[in-house]
Protein backbone atom coordinates (compact mmCIF):
# COMPACT_ATOMS: atom_id res chain seq x y z
CA MET A 1 24.02 -108.49 -50.52
CA ARG A 2 23.79 -111.22 -53.01
CA PHE A 3 23.97 -115.08 -52.09
CA ILE A 4 26.48 -117.08 -54.63
CA THR A 5 28.05 -120.43 -55.30
CA GLY A 6 31.82 -120.83 -54.75
CA LYS A 7 32.71 -120.69 -58.62
CA GLU A 8 30.86 -117.58 -58.95
CA ALA A 9 33.01 -116.01 -56.20
CA ALA A 10 35.97 -117.03 -57.70
CA GLU A 11 34.81 -115.45 -61.41
CA LEU A 12 34.62 -112.35 -59.05
CA ILE A 13 38.66 -111.54 -58.80
CA LYS A 14 40.47 -109.96 -61.44
CA ASN A 15 43.72 -110.65 -62.72
CA GLY A 16 45.80 -108.76 -60.59
CA SER A 17 44.10 -108.59 -57.62
CA THR A 18 45.09 -108.07 -54.07
CA VAL A 19 43.39 -110.40 -52.09
CA ALA A 20 43.02 -110.93 -48.06
CA VAL A 21 42.11 -114.36 -46.54
CA GLY A 22 40.85 -115.36 -43.30
CA GLY A 23 42.30 -118.24 -41.40
CA PHE A 24 44.35 -119.92 -38.63
CA ALA A 25 46.04 -122.83 -39.42
CA GLY A 26 43.14 -125.00 -39.92
CA PHE A 27 40.12 -122.51 -38.21
CA GLY A 28 38.18 -120.40 -39.71
CA VAL A 29 39.48 -121.26 -43.51
CA PRO A 30 37.11 -120.27 -46.08
CA GLU A 31 37.87 -123.69 -47.79
CA GLU A 32 35.23 -123.88 -50.33
CA VAL A 33 35.99 -120.28 -51.98
CA LEU A 34 39.79 -120.92 -52.19
CA MET A 35 38.98 -124.28 -54.01
CA ALA A 36 37.05 -122.96 -56.42
CA VAL A 37 39.50 -120.39 -57.23
CA GLU A 38 42.19 -122.48 -57.37
CA GLU A 39 40.04 -124.54 -59.66
CA ARG A 40 39.29 -121.49 -61.99
CA PHE A 41 42.90 -120.82 -61.97
CA LEU A 42 43.64 -124.22 -63.73
CA ALA A 43 40.99 -124.34 -66.27
CA SER A 44 41.51 -120.76 -67.51
CA GLY A 45 44.42 -119.34 -66.18
CA ALA A 46 43.02 -116.65 -64.28
CA PRO A 47 42.84 -115.22 -62.12
CA ASN A 48 46.53 -114.99 -62.29
CA ASN A 49 49.18 -112.46 -61.11
CA LEU A 50 47.84 -111.62 -57.38
CA GLY A 51 49.27 -110.48 -54.49
CA MET A 52 48.19 -112.29 -51.12
CA ILE A 53 47.57 -111.39 -47.65
CA TRP A 54 47.20 -113.11 -44.76
CA CYS A 55 47.93 -113.11 -41.25
CA ALA A 56 48.98 -116.78 -39.57
CA GLY A 57 49.41 -119.65 -41.03
CA ILE A 58 46.86 -121.23 -43.39
CA GLY A 59 46.79 -124.53 -44.48
CA ASP A 60 47.74 -128.04 -43.97
CA LYS A 61 51.05 -128.62 -45.10
CA ALA A 62 49.61 -130.66 -48.11
CA ASP A 63 46.87 -129.31 -50.57
CA ARG A 64 44.19 -127.04 -48.37
CA GLY A 65 44.49 -123.87 -47.44
CA MET A 66 47.03 -121.31 -49.26
CA ASN A 67 48.09 -124.29 -50.73
CA HIS A 68 45.18 -123.94 -52.91
CA PHE A 69 47.28 -120.71 -54.54
CA GLY A 70 50.45 -122.39 -55.06
CA HIS A 71 50.81 -122.89 -58.71
CA GLU A 72 53.16 -120.85 -60.93
CA GLY A 73 51.68 -117.44 -62.31
CA MET A 74 48.96 -117.83 -59.60
CA VAL A 75 50.50 -115.50 -57.35
CA SER A 76 52.87 -112.76 -58.03
CA LYS A 77 53.42 -111.45 -53.98
CA ILE A 78 52.90 -112.02 -50.97
CA TYR A 79 52.32 -110.48 -47.44
CA ALA A 80 52.06 -112.73 -44.93
CA GLY A 81 52.96 -113.78 -41.05
CA HIS A 82 53.92 -117.42 -41.96
CA ILE A 83 53.66 -119.91 -45.39
CA GLY A 84 54.75 -123.01 -43.32
CA LEU A 85 51.85 -124.73 -43.45
CA ALA A 86 51.54 -123.62 -47.34
CA PRO A 87 54.64 -125.76 -48.72
CA LYS A 88 53.24 -125.42 -52.04
CA LEU A 89 53.39 -121.59 -52.40
CA GLY A 90 57.05 -121.61 -50.16
CA LYS A 91 58.73 -123.44 -52.74
CA LEU A 92 57.93 -120.97 -55.13
CA VAL A 93 59.30 -118.10 -53.21
CA ALA A 94 62.31 -120.40 -52.00
CA GLU A 95 63.21 -120.73 -56.25
CA ASN A 96 62.34 -116.76 -56.19
CA LYS A 97 59.32 -117.39 -58.38
CA ILE A 98 56.84 -115.26 -55.96
CA GLU A 99 57.76 -111.89 -54.11
CA CYS A 100 57.44 -112.26 -50.63
CA PHE A 101 57.60 -110.10 -47.27
CA ILE A 102 56.93 -112.22 -44.15
CA VAL A 103 55.87 -110.20 -41.51
CA PRO A 104 55.17 -110.39 -37.94
CA GLN A 105 51.54 -111.82 -37.53
CA GLY A 106 50.44 -109.59 -34.65
CA VAL A 107 51.52 -106.67 -36.93
CA ILE A 108 49.85 -107.17 -39.91
CA VAL A 109 46.54 -107.62 -37.42
CA HIS A 110 46.94 -104.55 -36.30
CA ILE A 111 47.89 -103.70 -39.63
CA MET A 112 44.53 -104.49 -40.85
CA ARG A 113 43.10 -102.26 -38.22
CA ALA A 114 44.83 -99.19 -39.23
CA SER A 115 44.17 -99.34 -42.47
CA ALA A 116 40.54 -99.79 -42.01
CA GLY A 117 40.49 -96.37 -39.91
CA GLY A 118 42.68 -94.87 -42.75
CA LYS A 119 45.75 -94.45 -41.26
CA PRO A 120 49.15 -94.67 -42.22
CA GLY A 121 50.28 -97.82 -40.72
CA VAL A 122 51.02 -99.19 -37.64
CA LEU A 123 54.02 -97.82 -35.30
CA THR A 124 55.42 -100.12 -33.15
CA HIS A 125 58.97 -101.50 -31.61
CA VAL A 126 57.71 -105.32 -32.57
CA GLY A 127 60.80 -106.64 -34.95
CA LEU A 128 63.17 -104.46 -33.53
CA LYS A 129 66.72 -106.15 -33.74
CA THR A 130 64.82 -109.10 -35.94
CA TYR A 131 65.42 -109.70 -39.54
CA ALA A 132 62.10 -107.50 -39.98
CA ASP A 133 64.44 -104.41 -38.86
CA PRO A 134 65.19 -102.87 -42.33
CA ARG A 135 68.73 -102.53 -41.14
CA VAL A 136 68.44 -106.24 -41.28
CA GLU A 137 66.47 -107.85 -44.10
CA GLY A 138 63.40 -105.72 -43.97
CA CYS A 139 61.05 -108.49 -43.96
CA ARG A 140 62.20 -109.17 -47.42
CA ALA A 141 61.77 -113.16 -47.71
CA ASN A 142 63.75 -113.59 -50.84
CA SER A 143 66.16 -112.25 -53.67
CA ILE A 144 63.91 -110.77 -55.96
CA THR A 145 61.58 -109.09 -53.56
CA ARG A 146 61.55 -105.18 -53.93
CA GLY A 147 59.94 -102.42 -52.05
CA GLU A 148 59.76 -101.05 -48.53
CA VAL A 149 56.89 -102.23 -46.51
CA VAL A 150 59.02 -101.02 -42.91
CA GLU A 151 60.98 -98.17 -41.40
CA LEU A 152 63.19 -97.31 -39.03
CA MET A 153 61.77 -94.40 -37.14
CA THR A 154 62.87 -92.61 -33.57
CA LEU A 155 60.40 -90.60 -31.76
CA GLY A 156 61.24 -89.42 -28.46
CA GLY A 157 64.45 -90.58 -28.70
CA ARG A 158 63.44 -94.31 -28.96
CA GLU A 159 63.52 -96.46 -31.78
CA TRP A 160 60.76 -97.87 -33.57
CA LEU A 161 59.46 -99.45 -36.65
CA PHE A 162 56.78 -98.35 -38.75
CA TYR A 163 54.93 -100.96 -40.95
CA LYS A 164 52.88 -99.30 -44.01
CA ALA A 165 49.16 -99.56 -44.32
CA LEU A 166 47.72 -101.60 -46.94
CA ALA A 167 45.10 -101.54 -49.54
CA PRO A 168 43.97 -105.40 -50.21
CA ASP A 169 40.83 -105.46 -53.41
CA VAL A 170 39.29 -108.74 -52.13
CA ALA A 171 38.53 -109.85 -48.66
CA ILE A 172 37.65 -114.00 -48.37
CA VAL A 173 36.32 -114.51 -44.63
CA ARG A 174 34.16 -117.06 -42.83
CA GLY A 175 31.58 -117.49 -40.59
CA THR A 176 28.66 -120.01 -39.67
CA THR A 177 25.16 -118.49 -40.11
CA ALA A 178 24.29 -115.42 -42.48
CA ASP A 179 21.14 -114.14 -42.38
CA THR A 180 19.20 -113.18 -45.44
CA ARG A 181 21.16 -109.34 -45.23
CA GLY A 182 23.55 -110.73 -44.94
CA ASN A 183 25.06 -110.44 -40.81
CA ILE A 184 26.98 -113.10 -39.90
CA SER A 185 27.73 -114.87 -36.61
CA MET A 186 30.58 -117.53 -35.50
CA GLU A 187 29.07 -119.40 -33.16
CA LYS A 188 30.60 -123.05 -34.28
CA GLU A 189 34.45 -121.10 -35.29
CA ALA A 190 36.61 -121.73 -32.66
CA ILE A 191 38.16 -118.28 -32.88
CA PHE A 192 36.94 -115.18 -34.57
CA LEU A 193 40.32 -113.64 -35.75
CA GLU A 194 40.53 -110.40 -37.32
CA GLN A 195 37.42 -111.09 -39.88
CA ILE A 196 36.04 -107.65 -39.13
CA SER A 197 39.28 -105.95 -39.73
CA MET A 198 39.67 -107.46 -42.58
CA ALA A 199 36.45 -106.76 -44.59
CA SER A 200 36.22 -103.34 -43.59
CA THR A 201 39.65 -102.65 -44.44
CA VAL A 202 38.31 -104.14 -47.94
CA LYS A 203 35.12 -102.20 -47.79
CA ASN A 204 36.53 -98.71 -47.47
CA ASN A 205 39.18 -99.67 -50.27
CA GLY A 206 36.59 -99.98 -52.50
CA GLY A 207 36.76 -104.12 -52.52
CA ILE A 208 34.74 -106.25 -52.32
CA VAL A 209 33.73 -108.82 -49.03
CA ILE A 210 33.21 -112.75 -49.28
CA ALA A 211 31.88 -114.91 -46.74
CA GLN A 212 32.14 -118.19 -46.39
CA VAL A 213 29.28 -119.75 -44.01
CA GLU A 214 27.83 -123.04 -42.89
CA ARG A 215 24.24 -122.23 -43.30
CA VAL A 216 21.35 -119.11 -43.19
CA THR A 217 18.50 -117.82 -41.27
CA GLU A 218 15.91 -115.03 -41.92
CA HIS A 219 16.73 -111.90 -41.24
CA GLY A 220 15.94 -110.80 -37.63
CA THR A 221 16.47 -114.40 -36.07
CA LEU A 222 20.26 -113.62 -34.87
CA LYS A 223 20.62 -111.80 -31.84
CA ALA A 224 22.53 -108.06 -32.28
CA GLN A 225 25.16 -109.48 -30.11
CA GLN A 226 25.95 -112.61 -32.20
CA VAL A 227 26.60 -110.49 -34.74
CA LYS A 228 29.98 -110.90 -35.39
CA LEU A 229 30.57 -109.45 -39.13
CA PRO A 230 27.58 -106.58 -40.02
CA GLY A 231 25.71 -107.13 -43.37
CA VAL A 232 27.07 -103.63 -44.33
CA MET A 233 30.63 -105.13 -44.57
CA VAL A 234 29.48 -108.26 -47.00
CA ASP A 235 29.01 -108.55 -50.51
CA TYR A 236 28.78 -112.20 -51.34
CA VAL A 237 28.24 -114.86 -49.26
CA VAL A 238 29.05 -118.29 -50.56
CA VAL A 239 26.95 -121.21 -48.56
CA ALA A 240 29.66 -124.19 -48.19
CA SER A 241 28.62 -127.65 -48.47
CA PRO A 242 29.86 -129.67 -45.16
CA GLY A 243 33.16 -131.01 -46.39
CA ASN A 244 35.15 -127.55 -46.83
CA HIS A 245 33.16 -126.06 -43.69
CA CYS A 246 34.78 -128.54 -41.01
CA GLN A 247 35.39 -126.43 -37.79
CA SER A 248 39.59 -127.01 -38.57
CA PHE A 249 41.75 -129.10 -40.84
CA LEU A 250 42.13 -131.52 -38.00
CA ASN A 251 39.26 -133.38 -38.57
CA ALA A 252 35.62 -133.24 -39.68
CA ASP A 253 33.44 -133.24 -36.80
CA TYR A 254 32.39 -130.37 -34.45
CA ASN A 255 34.27 -129.93 -31.48
CA PRO A 256 31.68 -127.62 -28.81
CA ALA A 257 34.62 -127.91 -26.23
CA PHE A 258 36.87 -125.57 -28.41
CA THR A 259 33.48 -122.59 -28.54
CA GLY A 260 33.07 -123.11 -24.91
CA GLU A 261 29.46 -124.66 -25.93
CA ILE A 262 30.30 -127.47 -23.79
CA ARG A 263 33.28 -127.98 -20.72
CA VAL A 264 34.61 -131.50 -20.71
CA PRO A 265 36.49 -132.99 -18.24
CA VAL A 266 40.34 -132.41 -18.15
CA ASP A 267 41.22 -135.47 -17.13
CA SER A 268 39.75 -137.36 -20.56
CA LEU A 269 42.81 -135.64 -22.13
CA PRO A 270 45.74 -137.82 -23.60
CA VAL A 271 48.35 -137.84 -21.03
CA MET A 272 51.73 -137.68 -23.32
CA PRO A 273 54.43 -140.53 -23.27
CA LEU A 274 57.71 -140.02 -21.78
CA ASN A 275 59.95 -139.25 -24.21
CA GLU A 276 62.39 -136.52 -25.21
CA ARG A 277 58.84 -134.10 -25.64
CA LYS A 278 57.59 -134.53 -22.01
CA ILE A 279 61.21 -134.03 -20.76
CA CYS A 280 61.34 -130.74 -22.20
CA ALA A 281 57.81 -129.60 -21.45
CA ARG A 282 58.14 -130.67 -17.09
CA ARG A 283 60.84 -128.74 -17.16
CA ALA A 284 59.86 -125.98 -18.92
CA ALA A 285 56.58 -126.03 -16.67
CA MET A 286 58.18 -126.13 -13.64
CA GLU A 287 59.08 -122.10 -14.34
CA LEU A 288 55.25 -121.75 -14.31
CA GLY A 289 54.30 -119.80 -10.99
CA ALA A 290 50.65 -119.45 -9.33
CA GLY A 291 48.52 -116.74 -11.02
CA ALA A 292 51.32 -116.25 -14.10
CA LEU A 293 49.39 -115.29 -17.61
CA VAL A 294 50.97 -117.87 -20.07
CA ASN A 295 51.33 -118.15 -23.90
CA LEU A 296 52.09 -121.45 -25.76
CA GLY A 297 53.59 -121.45 -29.17
CA ILE A 298 53.45 -124.28 -31.47
CA GLY A 299 56.14 -127.56 -31.64
CA VAL A 300 57.76 -129.10 -28.18
CA SER A 301 56.19 -126.12 -26.36
CA GLU A 302 52.57 -126.96 -26.54
CA GLY A 303 53.44 -130.14 -24.24
CA VAL A 304 53.22 -127.55 -21.33
CA ALA A 305 49.99 -127.64 -21.81
CA ASN A 306 49.45 -131.57 -21.41
CA ILE A 307 51.93 -130.81 -18.23
CA VAL A 308 49.38 -128.22 -16.78
CA ALA A 309 46.44 -130.91 -17.30
CA GLU A 310 48.17 -133.66 -16.15
CA GLU A 311 49.78 -131.96 -12.67
CA ASN A 312 46.15 -130.57 -12.46
CA LEU A 313 47.43 -127.11 -12.47
CA ALA A 314 44.72 -124.97 -15.16
CA ASP A 315 43.07 -123.35 -12.42
CA SER A 316 46.18 -121.58 -10.75
CA ILE A 317 46.96 -119.78 -14.35
CA THR A 318 45.85 -118.76 -17.21
CA LEU A 319 46.78 -119.97 -20.57
CA THR A 320 46.61 -118.00 -23.99
CA VAL A 321 47.25 -118.52 -27.84
CA GLU A 322 47.96 -115.26 -30.00
CA SER A 323 44.50 -116.11 -31.95
CA GLY A 324 42.53 -114.84 -29.10
CA VAL A 325 42.06 -117.70 -26.74
CA ILE A 326 41.75 -117.01 -23.07
CA SER A 327 41.83 -119.95 -20.50
CA GLY A 328 41.05 -123.52 -21.11
CA ILE A 329 44.13 -126.17 -22.19
CA PRO A 330 45.71 -124.98 -25.85
CA ALA A 331 45.19 -127.87 -28.43
CA GLY A 332 48.26 -128.59 -30.68
CA GLY A 333 49.18 -130.11 -34.03
CA LEU A 334 46.52 -128.73 -36.80
CA ALA A 335 44.59 -127.69 -33.73
CA ILE A 336 46.71 -124.93 -33.04
CA GLY A 337 44.92 -121.85 -32.13
CA ALA A 338 41.73 -123.35 -30.20
CA SER A 339 41.82 -124.45 -26.36
CA THR A 340 39.37 -126.97 -24.96
CA ASN A 341 37.37 -125.92 -21.66
CA PRO A 342 37.92 -121.70 -23.21
CA ASP A 343 36.63 -118.94 -20.70
CA SER A 344 36.76 -116.63 -23.36
CA VAL A 345 37.67 -115.89 -27.49
CA ILE A 346 38.21 -112.43 -27.88
CA ASP A 347 39.44 -110.83 -31.67
CA GLN A 348 42.63 -111.44 -32.57
CA GLY A 349 43.83 -108.03 -32.77
CA TYR A 350 42.79 -107.35 -28.81
CA GLN A 351 44.69 -110.44 -27.75
CA PHE A 352 48.00 -108.71 -29.70
CA ASP A 353 47.01 -105.10 -28.25
CA PHE A 354 47.35 -107.28 -24.99
CA TYR A 355 50.50 -109.01 -25.87
CA ASP A 356 52.60 -106.52 -27.16
CA GLY A 357 52.10 -104.30 -23.82
CA GLY A 358 53.73 -106.76 -21.58
CA GLY A 359 50.38 -108.31 -20.55
CA VAL A 360 52.01 -112.63 -21.26
CA ASP A 361 54.28 -113.23 -17.64
CA ILE A 362 55.48 -116.21 -19.69
CA ALA A 363 55.68 -117.72 -22.92
CA TYR A 364 56.66 -121.10 -24.01
CA LEU A 365 58.06 -121.04 -27.83
CA GLY A 366 59.58 -123.52 -30.05
CA LEU A 367 63.32 -123.96 -29.79
CA ALA A 368 65.02 -124.26 -33.86
CA GLU A 369 68.39 -122.61 -33.85
CA ALA A 370 69.82 -120.60 -31.10
CA ASP A 371 74.01 -119.19 -31.56
CA ARG A 372 75.91 -117.99 -28.80
CA HIS A 373 74.27 -114.53 -28.42
CA GLY A 374 71.07 -115.94 -27.65
CA ASN A 375 69.67 -115.36 -31.11
CA LEU A 376 66.92 -117.68 -32.20
CA ASN A 377 65.56 -118.73 -35.40
CA VAL A 378 62.52 -120.22 -36.25
CA SER A 379 61.51 -118.71 -39.51
CA LYS A 380 63.88 -119.71 -42.11
CA PHE A 381 65.83 -122.79 -42.71
CA GLY A 382 68.51 -123.43 -45.62
CA GLY A 383 66.47 -121.07 -48.27
CA ARG A 384 63.27 -122.50 -46.65
CA VAL A 385 60.84 -119.44 -45.76
CA VAL A 386 58.73 -120.36 -42.94
CA GLY A 387 57.64 -117.23 -41.36
CA PRO A 388 57.68 -116.62 -37.17
CA GLY A 389 53.61 -116.00 -36.75
CA GLY A 390 52.65 -114.51 -33.89
CA PHE A 391 56.23 -115.79 -32.51
CA ILE A 392 57.86 -112.13 -32.41
CA ASN A 393 54.94 -110.66 -31.16
CA ILE A 394 55.03 -112.69 -28.44
CA SER A 395 58.86 -113.25 -27.84
CA GLN A 396 59.58 -109.51 -27.68
CA ASN A 397 56.97 -108.74 -25.08
CA ALA A 398 57.04 -111.56 -22.51
CA LYS A 399 58.27 -110.82 -19.31
CA ALA A 400 60.07 -114.23 -19.45
CA VAL A 401 60.71 -116.58 -22.60
CA ILE A 402 61.79 -120.13 -22.34
CA TYR A 403 62.13 -122.13 -25.61
CA CYS A 404 61.70 -125.67 -25.85
CA GLY A 405 63.14 -128.27 -27.86
CA THR A 406 65.21 -131.14 -28.67
CA PHE A 407 68.89 -130.66 -28.28
CA THR A 408 69.78 -131.74 -31.95
CA ALA A 409 67.56 -132.57 -34.46
CA GLY A 410 66.73 -135.20 -37.64
CA GLY A 411 66.89 -139.12 -36.51
CA LEU A 412 67.09 -138.20 -32.70
CA LYS A 413 66.48 -140.93 -30.45
CA THR A 414 66.22 -140.96 -26.55
CA ARG A 415 65.24 -143.96 -23.83
CA VAL A 416 63.89 -143.08 -20.67
CA ALA A 417 65.22 -145.85 -18.25
CA ASP A 418 66.05 -145.96 -14.43
CA GLY A 419 65.70 -141.92 -14.01
CA ARG A 420 68.01 -141.63 -16.49
CA LEU A 421 68.13 -140.46 -20.26
CA HIS A 422 69.84 -142.19 -22.52
CA ILE A 423 70.90 -141.20 -26.23
CA GLU A 424 69.87 -144.64 -28.56
CA ALA A 425 71.42 -142.07 -31.58
CA GLU A 426 72.05 -138.79 -31.64
CA GLY A 427 70.61 -136.19 -34.11
CA ARG A 428 72.41 -135.24 -37.56
CA SER A 429 72.17 -131.55 -36.98
CA LYS A 430 72.90 -129.35 -34.02
CA LYS A 431 70.65 -126.63 -33.26
CA PHE A 432 73.17 -124.60 -31.03
CA LEU A 433 75.41 -122.66 -33.51
CA ASN A 434 77.87 -120.33 -33.90
CA GLN A 435 75.64 -117.79 -35.89
CA VAL A 436 71.74 -118.55 -36.85
CA GLU A 437 70.38 -117.85 -40.39
CA GLN A 438 68.08 -115.56 -39.49
CA ILE A 439 66.96 -113.70 -36.29
CA THR A 440 63.98 -114.30 -35.26
CA PHE A 441 64.73 -113.24 -31.58
CA SER A 442 67.05 -110.33 -30.53
CA GLY A 443 69.51 -111.83 -27.53
CA GLU A 444 70.74 -108.04 -28.03
CA TYR A 445 67.78 -106.66 -27.36
CA ALA A 446 65.98 -108.82 -24.57
CA ALA A 447 69.30 -108.02 -22.73
CA SER A 448 68.53 -104.24 -23.42
CA VAL A 449 64.67 -104.90 -21.63
CA GLY A 450 66.22 -106.83 -19.22
CA GLN A 451 63.68 -110.10 -20.07
CA LYS A 452 64.17 -113.39 -18.42
CA VAL A 453 65.33 -116.09 -21.36
CA MET A 454 65.82 -119.78 -20.78
CA PHE A 455 66.35 -122.35 -23.01
CA VAL A 456 64.99 -125.90 -22.12
CA THR A 457 66.05 -129.12 -23.87
CA GLU A 458 65.54 -132.92 -23.17
CA ARG A 459 68.96 -132.78 -21.81
CA ALA A 460 70.65 -129.39 -21.04
CA VAL A 461 69.00 -126.29 -19.61
CA PHE A 462 70.54 -122.56 -20.75
CA VAL A 463 70.19 -119.11 -18.74
CA LEU A 464 70.77 -115.99 -21.60
CA ARG A 465 72.80 -113.55 -18.95
CA LYS A 466 74.92 -110.74 -20.01
CA GLU A 467 78.07 -112.82 -20.40
CA GLY A 468 76.29 -114.97 -22.98
CA MET A 469 74.62 -118.77 -22.60
CA VAL A 470 75.23 -120.26 -19.47
CA LEU A 471 74.83 -123.99 -19.04
CA THR A 472 72.59 -124.21 -15.93
CA GLU A 473 71.39 -127.93 -15.67
CA ILE A 474 72.46 -131.08 -17.02
CA ALA A 475 69.91 -134.42 -17.19
CA PRO A 476 71.58 -137.56 -15.22
CA GLY A 477 73.10 -140.11 -16.64
CA LEU A 478 74.90 -138.07 -19.57
CA ASN A 479 78.25 -137.06 -20.19
CA LEU A 480 78.56 -133.67 -20.26
CA GLU A 481 81.37 -133.35 -23.18
CA LYS A 482 80.34 -136.06 -24.99
CA ASP A 483 76.65 -135.98 -25.04
CA ILE A 484 76.05 -131.70 -24.87
CA LEU A 485 79.19 -129.58 -25.50
CA ALA A 486 80.56 -131.99 -28.36
CA GLN A 487 77.03 -131.38 -29.80
CA MET A 488 77.20 -127.69 -29.70
CA GLU A 489 79.33 -125.47 -32.73
CA PHE A 490 80.14 -123.07 -29.22
CA LYS A 491 81.13 -123.65 -26.26
CA PRO A 492 78.50 -122.36 -23.64
CA VAL A 493 79.27 -120.35 -20.12
CA ILE A 494 79.07 -123.40 -17.72
CA SER A 495 77.79 -121.83 -14.59
CA GLY A 496 79.79 -123.04 -11.12
CA GLU A 497 76.48 -124.04 -9.74
CA LEU A 498 75.73 -126.55 -12.37
CA LYS A 499 73.51 -129.47 -11.14
CA GLU A 500 71.28 -132.26 -12.63
CA MET A 501 68.05 -131.54 -13.94
CA ASP A 502 65.18 -132.72 -11.49
CA ALA A 503 64.89 -135.97 -10.93
CA ARG A 504 61.25 -136.02 -11.08
CA ILE A 505 61.14 -135.19 -14.58
CA PHE A 506 62.26 -138.76 -15.38
CA ARG A 507 59.88 -140.87 -13.86
CA ASP A 508 56.62 -142.13 -15.56
CA ARG A 509 53.72 -140.54 -13.27
CA PRO A 510 52.86 -137.20 -12.28
CA MET A 511 55.44 -135.20 -10.76
CA GLY A 512 53.27 -133.38 -8.03
CA LEU A 513 53.86 -130.33 -9.25
CA ARG A 514 52.50 -127.16 -6.57
CA LEU A 515 51.62 -123.28 -7.66
């Protein structure tokens, strides 16, 4: 093991290499090394023709994270779970300049572990009937993408998907402290991710592992139980400058409440203003039951965490994030993946084991596009590839799933007054369509396993039943024909027990929820 600079690390990556990068949004991102690789390419044109692998979305929707690789000719192939945070690469994929496979995040995490153990791949039900299914799109994100990464198989009379193993040449990962033999701890990292699986996969493939850290200590000063990445799996260590080793892309400061070093009062968290996002989150939170284990996704569904805090429900349920965080109040925006006051943080692969096996009682996920069959799309819009992240793993396996989002998109303006919802400007784009652009969630699959599925918006609530999408609730103050049916491409089944949404949702004070 050697200590090197970011520039020296970049020089180690050869043209045509397949590079695996760790990170989750803005957490655990080896930013100094990624910057150095970009600088080398811009100066010399190398390394080029790279294959890139990552699990969760990595980036800030601007310049950091995987955006450092968003230059034509630098990357030739992508294998990832989410590229929406790296629009520079997403643009090249949409323009058919990069081959791209978008694979469910939890599947990639498990593939890393399987590949490390010399296994041929991962056999799972995750992705059946979605775009990942080879009968649909086979994970291909654009028309130039060739090859097969997933196969349909039948075992024991049941359908499965087999995702093939990977063989990356380089891993770029991150920790907090390295000792002089390359043992690495992660005490200031909010999440641990798939770092050890990624490193062991590359080492067993004869490749090199580059780890970025904040600081160095003498060998023997790290307790064995602190070491999350053993030195035998690390070839090079880069000690980053402080500005390139922030805990997250949210801000430059270390938040000890994300790591469990301290616990902050829950009432110190900001209260959401009473708007359409809070209306959705409040109605969705009414589905919680005492003792429930919950997953929260990105977008409007993040607001459920704020409602849990505002209604003092945190001790009655367990909120989790696919990154490996258990309990606490999940953060949102560029801090997605972390939680304030977590009880524990485990490696991402173990979290997805638990999720895939049905450990989540109720999942709250974003609502981008839905169709008459109960299919949902959160992964591709107008040819622009975003990817599902952990959405498919979560949505297919939770006992109940609630999709949260505004009824229309693009310019929607609402106002809450006198306990009623007022639509001041309708959104330009409908979200309830005859057919979604891409199937990220299959209504057919959900029906086949008897899953409870709801769609919660600021003005209406739908339940997926065998007869289709059923409208069950409408916000007070709205006209059924004008404000709901006219804003959909299909007519839902209207429940004979159609009722108004709970009046407490539209009052600017705590609802008094009790579990």
